[in-house]
Every structure is written in structure tokens, then in C-alpha cells.
């Protein structure tokens, strides 16, 4: 029996080595045809029930902080619009039911580890939305694009409601991760780039865990890349990999797509902001890391430990972190630390947002 189990493990390892991505697709891409989603009007997001985080929600997950940190005062600072990453992994549907408990619990967990980095500089708003399932990112099927567009319509409706519910002069921080960052790129292109008044209110946009082409995307997104650590009204982006890194799955998909300006993204560099320095194309040692979140086994809390994780922008624009730290079991194939893009640099993101908020306030009106 032991010999048989060893053979099975070895066979599985060989199969994954040569067919890993295909096996993942088989396990996660929905088998059903896409089902059209009813269009949500912005006014439905006036209801608290459709938000995972907003200032008046009891038990707001975005208010979590590690020991030694506290949220900023209520009603002060920026309004933070945060779009959470994919938390629906079922292949039953292309879009998540908006009231699915497991999906929303997982999204709240992401908010504790990601959106919480912004709670010192403002109040976090994070909508529920009928996100595309994880498998939608593993196929080029037309149904996957339909699912993503349906999810974006929810995000856009939530953003409209968000703008009506905050003071019209209040500064705004935009942030997202993974699928949330993809929707944020569309929001920047469709809304911020076409509304100069809105653009002037943006402190920064954190487009994390999704590739942004400097050549074919950035010029259409309404804000420039952050050129300095104290720049405001600009875009930051990074994708984290331990070494040796194998970003082939991302590169192959990226190189087959078309940018916002209609030109192919193939071969174009990606925006890479080093979160340890707040500057593009930079390198920094682990001593520059103000704090990484190391979660408890049950994910109920996390310890923040400084000086553990370095970072350097390299290759096509990926952020390399050396030997990957043991922050949990969710490292993706290719040494991809995608799930931990924020938590690896939690304290630096927190400091970065505060620095850019101060710079925004100092700008002439």
C-alpha cells in the first residue's frame, strides 16, 4: 500500500509538472453556459447590506489591525473605495451569488489582511459584487469575459452610490486586488479618465495583483504612474513572486491580450512599484520592510514582523521577494505570492497611503 501511494504521489507530481495548468482549468472552470445577470442600479448600493465594509457597519472587517496599530478617527481623512479579490472558487456558476455566505466570509478575510492597511488614513468602503469565479481567469472562453463584465457592472454601480454617499469634496483612495484590481483599471479608464474633477480628488490608486501595461494601458487610465514616494494623484501596481519565479501563466495570458489603446500588450513592460520605497523599478533590502503580516493558523489574527521580506522590480515588471517567507499555504504555482501582495508589505502600504495623503493635502487647489 505504501509503495502504491508513493507511485501515486510521483505520478501526480509528474502530471502536474507537465499538465498542471490544464488540470487546474479542469477543476475550476465552470462547465455550465453563462447565465445573464440582472443589471444592478446604483441606488441598490445605498443599502448597507450590499457592503462588506463601510463606516456604519458593525463588525467592519476593514477596521482590523495588528497589535500596535489602530484605525484613524471616524469621519476623518479620505474615503477609500476598495474592490476585494476573487473569493468565489466554485465551478457551479460563472458569477457568485451575492449572498453566498462562504464567499462573503472569505472576502471579509481578504479585507482584514488587505483593505485594513488603509484604515489609518480614511474610512474603507468595500462592496459586495457578483464576482466572476476563479476559473474565469483560467480560460479564454467568451463566457469568462461575460462574467467579468457582469461583475464590473456591479462595481460601477457601487462606485456611483459611494460617490453620492460621501462629501463631494472629500479625497478618495482607490484600491483593489486581483479581480478587484482588474475592475479598478476599468473604473479608472471609464470614470476617472473622463472626469477631471473626480481625477483631482484621487489621492492614489493601488492597482495591486493585476498587470498594467505602461505602453498600452496607463495612458488611458486618467492618472500617471507614481514617479516618487511622495507623489499624489497617481497609480501604483505590483505582482509578487518568490525566487526562482515562473510567471509564465501570467505572461502568456498578458501577451495574448489587447491594451486599452487597442494595441497588443505583447512584450510591453508592466508597471512595477516597489511598495518598500513607493517608487517605480526600485530595489530595497528586507530592512526597509516595516512589517509583514504572519497570520495565525486559523487566520483569525496575524502578527506583524518587520525586516523579513525584501523586494525588487525585475524582468517584465514583476516584484521579486527573494526566498519566499512562510506566510501561509496559499502560494500559487510558479512561486507566485499573489494572495499575499498586500500582507507582505502591510506596514509599508499603510505608510505609503499616509504619505500620499499628506502630499495630496499640500497640493494647491
Foldseek 3Di string as FASTA:
>chain_A
DVVVVVVVVVVVVVCCVVCVLVVLLVQFAAPDFADADDFDALVVLVDPVFWLFWDPDPPRLLQADAPPDGFADPPDAAEEEEEEAFQARHNNHQWADLPDVNSSVSSSLLSNQFSNLARNGYGYIYGRFRATHPSLLSDPDPSSVSRLVRRLSRVVSNVVNVCVPDPVQGAYEYEYAHSRLVSLLVCLLPPQLVDVSNLLRYLEYESEHAWAFQPFRQVRRNADDQAFLQAGSHYAYAWEFEPPFDPPSRLVVQQVDAGPNRHGSHPTATWAAFLLGRHTQAWDAQQSQPWAWQADPVSPGTHTDGSDWTWGADDRGHIYTYHDDPRDDPQDPRRTPRSRRCRRRSNSSSVSSVSSSVSSVPDDD
